[in-house]
């Protein structure tokens, strides 16, 4: 018996939740571009906001570990435009 209303995203499996989240982020980038915001500025702001959320949820040490892993993933080409297409 549920004791509190669950957020619909909490009910999604991890992979589905990640896909849904990426869709929201992609839409935010598109809206920002339509409003004339430079994508590089928006991307940096999004990274800063994401790190603030990670720190709030998981603490500084865990957020720093996520950031370190991201650096390795970037260096490996995981986020290159050619891999997304």
N, C-alpha and C. Protein backbone atom coordinates (compact mmCIF):
# COMPACT_ATOMS: atom_id res chain seq x y z
N UNK A 1 0.84 -1.18 0.00
CA UNK A 1 0.00 0.00 0.00
C UNK A 1 0.88 1.25 0.00
N UNK A 2 0.76 2.12 -1.00
CA UNK A 2 1.60 3.32 -1.06
C UNK A 2 1.25 4.29 0.06
N UNK A 3 2.30 4.85 0.65
CA UNK A 3 2.09 5.82 1.72
C UNK A 3 2.19 7.25 1.23
N UNK A 4 2.80 7.45 0.10
CA UNK A 4 2.93 8.79 -0.46
C UNK A 4 2.84 8.69 -1.98
N UNK A 5 2.43 9.78 -2.59
CA UNK A 5 2.37 9.81 -4.04
C UNK A 5 3.79 9.78 -4.60
N UNK A 6 4.03 8.88 -5.53
CA UNK A 6 5.36 8.79 -6.13
C UNK A 6 5.43 9.66 -7.37
N UNK A 7 6.61 10.22 -7.57
CA UNK A 7 6.89 10.95 -8.78
C UNK A 7 6.92 9.93 -9.91
N UNK A 8 6.28 10.20 -11.06
CA UNK A 8 6.29 9.22 -12.16
C UNK A 8 7.70 8.79 -12.57
N UNK A 9 8.68 9.70 -12.49
CA UNK A 9 10.05 9.33 -12.87
C UNK A 9 10.62 8.27 -11.93
N UNK A 10 10.17 8.24 -10.68
CA UNK A 10 10.65 7.24 -9.73
C UNK A 10 10.18 5.85 -10.09
N UNK A 11 9.09 5.78 -10.83
CA UNK A 11 8.54 4.49 -11.21
C UNK A 11 9.23 3.90 -12.44
N UNK A 12 9.96 4.71 -13.15
CA UNK A 12 10.64 4.23 -14.35
C UNK A 12 11.89 3.45 -13.98
N UNK A 13 12.21 2.47 -14.79
CA UNK A 13 13.48 1.79 -14.62
C UNK A 13 14.61 2.78 -14.86
N UNK A 14 15.79 2.47 -14.36
CA UNK A 14 16.92 3.39 -14.48
C UNK A 14 17.18 3.81 -15.92
N UNK A 15 17.20 2.86 -16.84
CA UNK A 15 17.49 3.19 -18.25
C UNK A 15 16.40 4.08 -18.83
N UNK A 16 15.15 3.78 -18.50
CA UNK A 16 14.04 4.60 -19.00
C UNK A 16 14.09 6.00 -18.39
N UNK A 17 14.44 6.08 -17.12
CA UNK A 17 14.54 7.38 -16.46
C UNK A 17 15.66 8.20 -17.09
N UNK A 18 16.79 7.56 -17.39
CA UNK A 18 17.91 8.27 -18.03
C UNK A 18 17.51 8.76 -19.40
N UNK A 19 16.83 7.92 -20.18
CA UNK A 19 16.37 8.34 -21.51
C UNK A 19 15.39 9.50 -21.42
N UNK A 20 14.47 9.45 -20.46
CA UNK A 20 13.51 10.53 -20.27
C UNK A 20 14.24 11.81 -19.88
N UNK A 21 15.21 11.69 -18.98
CA UNK A 21 15.97 12.86 -18.54
C UNK A 21 16.74 13.47 -19.71
N UNK A 22 17.35 12.64 -20.53
CA UNK A 22 18.09 13.16 -21.70
C UNK A 22 17.15 13.89 -22.66
N UNK A 23 15.93 13.41 -22.78
CA UNK A 23 14.96 14.09 -23.63
C UNK A 23 14.65 15.48 -23.07
N UNK A 24 14.44 15.58 -21.76
CA UNK A 24 14.19 16.88 -21.15
C UNK A 24 15.36 17.83 -21.36
N UNK A 25 16.57 17.33 -21.17
CA UNK A 25 17.76 18.17 -21.34
C UNK A 25 17.90 18.61 -22.79
N UNK A 26 17.68 17.69 -23.72
CA UNK A 26 17.76 18.03 -25.14
C UNK A 26 16.75 19.11 -25.51
N UNK A 27 15.54 19.00 -24.98
CA UNK A 27 14.52 20.01 -25.23
C UNK A 27 14.91 21.36 -24.63
N UNK A 28 15.52 21.34 -23.46
CA UNK A 28 15.97 22.59 -22.84
C UNK A 28 17.04 23.26 -23.70
N UNK A 29 17.96 22.47 -24.25
CA UNK A 29 18.98 23.03 -25.13
C UNK A 29 18.34 23.64 -26.37
N UNK A 30 17.37 22.95 -26.95
CA UNK A 30 16.70 23.46 -28.15
C UNK A 30 15.97 24.77 -27.85
N UNK A 31 15.28 24.83 -26.72
CA UNK A 31 14.57 26.05 -26.34
C UNK A 31 15.54 27.21 -26.11
N UNK A 32 16.65 26.92 -25.46
CA UNK A 32 17.65 27.96 -25.22
C UNK A 32 18.18 28.50 -26.55
N UNK A 33 18.47 27.60 -27.48
CA UNK A 33 18.97 28.02 -28.80
C UNK A 33 17.94 28.88 -29.51
N UNK A 34 16.67 28.49 -29.43
CA UNK A 34 15.61 29.30 -30.06
C UNK A 34 15.52 30.69 -29.45
N UNK A 35 15.86 30.80 -28.18
CA UNK A 35 15.84 32.10 -27.50
C UNK A 35 17.12 32.89 -27.71
N UNK A 36 18.05 32.35 -28.50
CA UNK A 36 19.27 33.06 -28.83
C UNK A 36 20.40 32.89 -27.84
N UNK A 37 20.26 31.96 -26.92
CA UNK A 37 21.32 31.71 -25.95
C UNK A 37 22.39 30.85 -26.62
N UNK A 38 23.64 31.28 -26.50
CA UNK A 38 24.74 30.50 -27.07
C UNK A 38 24.76 29.11 -26.43
N UNK A 39 24.89 28.10 -27.25
CA UNK A 39 24.86 26.72 -26.77
C UNK A 39 26.03 26.44 -25.83
N UNK A 40 27.22 27.00 -26.11
CA UNK A 40 28.34 26.75 -25.22
C UNK A 40 28.09 27.35 -23.83
N UNK A 41 27.46 28.52 -23.79
CA UNK A 41 27.14 29.14 -22.50
C UNK A 41 26.08 28.32 -21.77
N UNK A 42 25.09 27.84 -22.51
CA UNK A 42 24.04 27.03 -21.90
C UNK A 42 24.60 25.71 -21.40
N UNK A 43 25.50 25.10 -22.18
CA UNK A 43 26.10 23.82 -21.78
C UNK A 43 26.90 23.98 -20.49
N UNK A 44 27.66 25.05 -20.39
CA UNK A 44 28.43 25.27 -19.16
C UNK A 44 27.51 25.50 -17.97
N UNK A 45 26.45 26.28 -18.19
CA UNK A 45 25.49 26.51 -17.11
C UNK A 45 24.80 25.20 -16.70
N UNK A 46 24.48 24.37 -17.68
CA UNK A 46 23.84 23.09 -17.39
C UNK A 46 24.78 22.18 -16.58
N UNK A 47 26.06 22.17 -16.94
CA UNK A 47 27.03 21.38 -16.18
C UNK A 47 27.15 21.89 -14.74
N UNK A 48 27.18 23.20 -14.58
CA UNK A 48 27.27 23.77 -13.23
C UNK A 48 26.03 23.42 -12.42
N UNK A 49 24.86 23.51 -13.01
CA UNK A 49 23.63 23.17 -12.30
C UNK A 49 23.60 21.68 -11.97
N UNK A 50 24.04 20.86 -12.91
CA UNK A 50 24.08 19.42 -12.65
C UNK A 50 25.02 19.09 -11.50
N UNK A 51 26.16 19.75 -11.45
CA UNK A 51 27.10 19.50 -10.34
C UNK A 51 26.49 19.96 -9.01
N UNK A 52 25.79 21.09 -9.02
CA UNK A 52 25.12 21.54 -7.79
C UNK A 52 24.12 20.51 -7.30
N UNK A 53 23.36 19.94 -8.23
CA UNK A 53 22.38 18.91 -7.86
C UNK A 53 23.06 17.65 -7.34
N UNK A 54 24.15 17.23 -8.00
CA UNK A 54 24.88 16.05 -7.55
C UNK A 54 25.45 16.26 -6.15
N UNK A 55 25.99 17.44 -5.89
CA UNK A 55 26.52 17.74 -4.56
C UNK A 55 25.40 17.71 -3.53
N UNK A 56 24.27 18.30 -3.87
CA UNK A 56 23.15 18.34 -2.93
C UNK A 56 22.63 16.94 -2.61
N UNK A 57 22.62 16.07 -3.60
CA UNK A 57 22.07 14.72 -3.41
C UNK A 57 23.10 13.75 -2.84
N UNK A 58 24.33 13.82 -3.33
CA UNK A 58 25.33 12.80 -2.99
C UNK A 58 26.53 13.31 -2.20
N UNK A 59 26.67 14.63 -2.04
CA UNK A 59 27.81 15.19 -1.33
C UNK A 59 28.97 15.51 -2.25
N UNK A 60 29.90 16.32 -1.73
CA UNK A 60 31.03 16.79 -2.53
C UNK A 60 31.93 15.68 -3.02
N UNK A 61 32.27 14.73 -2.16
CA UNK A 61 33.20 13.67 -2.55
C UNK A 61 32.65 12.82 -3.69
N UNK A 62 31.40 12.40 -3.58
CA UNK A 62 30.81 11.59 -4.65
C UNK A 62 30.64 12.40 -5.94
N UNK A 63 30.27 13.67 -5.82
CA UNK A 63 30.14 14.51 -7.01
C UNK A 63 31.49 14.68 -7.69
N UNK A 64 32.55 14.82 -6.91
CA UNK A 64 33.90 14.94 -7.48
C UNK A 64 34.30 13.67 -8.21
N UNK A 65 33.89 12.53 -7.69
CA UNK A 65 34.18 11.25 -8.36
C UNK A 65 33.44 11.16 -9.69
N UNK A 66 32.19 11.63 -9.72
CA UNK A 66 31.44 11.65 -10.97
C UNK A 66 32.15 12.54 -11.98
N UNK A 67 32.60 13.72 -11.54
CA UNK A 67 33.30 14.65 -12.43
C UNK A 67 34.58 14.03 -12.97
N UNK A 68 35.31 13.32 -12.14
CA UNK A 68 36.54 12.67 -12.58
C UNK A 68 36.24 11.60 -13.63
N UNK A 69 35.19 10.83 -13.41
CA UNK A 69 34.82 9.81 -14.40
C UNK A 69 34.38 10.46 -15.71
N UNK A 70 33.71 11.60 -15.62
CA UNK A 70 33.29 12.30 -16.84
C UNK A 70 34.49 12.74 -17.66
N UNK A 71 35.54 13.21 -17.00
CA UNK A 71 36.75 13.61 -17.71
C UNK A 71 37.32 12.44 -18.51
N UNK A 72 37.35 11.27 -17.91
CA UNK A 72 37.84 10.08 -18.61
C UNK A 72 36.94 9.73 -19.79
N UNK A 73 35.64 9.85 -19.60
CA UNK A 73 34.68 9.52 -20.66
C UNK A 73 34.80 10.51 -21.83
N UNK A 74 35.02 11.79 -21.52
CA UNK A 74 35.21 12.79 -22.57
C UNK A 74 36.48 12.47 -23.36
N UNK A 75 37.57 12.17 -22.64
CA UNK A 75 38.84 11.85 -23.30
C UNK A 75 38.72 10.61 -24.18
N UNK A 76 37.84 9.69 -23.80
CA UNK A 76 37.63 8.46 -24.58
C UNK A 76 36.71 8.70 -25.79
N UNK A 77 36.17 9.90 -25.93
CA UNK A 77 35.34 10.21 -27.08
C UNK A 77 33.87 9.83 -26.94
N UNK A 78 33.46 9.48 -25.72
CA UNK A 78 32.08 9.03 -25.52
C UNK A 78 31.03 10.08 -25.88
N UNK A 79 31.38 11.35 -25.78
CA UNK A 79 30.41 12.41 -26.01
C UNK A 79 30.63 13.14 -27.34
N UNK A 80 31.52 12.63 -28.17
CA UNK A 80 31.80 13.27 -29.46
C UNK A 80 30.57 13.23 -30.36
N UNK A 81 30.37 14.30 -31.09
CA UNK A 81 29.18 14.41 -31.97
C UNK A 81 29.11 13.26 -32.95
N UNK A 82 30.24 12.80 -33.45
CA UNK A 82 30.23 11.72 -34.42
C UNK A 82 29.70 10.42 -33.83
N UNK A 83 29.82 10.22 -32.54
CA UNK A 83 29.31 9.00 -31.89
C UNK A 83 27.82 9.07 -31.65
N UNK A 84 27.27 10.30 -31.56
CA UNK A 84 25.84 10.46 -31.29
C UNK A 84 25.00 10.28 -32.53
N UNK A 85 25.59 10.44 -33.71
CA UNK A 85 24.81 10.42 -34.96
C UNK A 85 24.69 9.03 -35.51
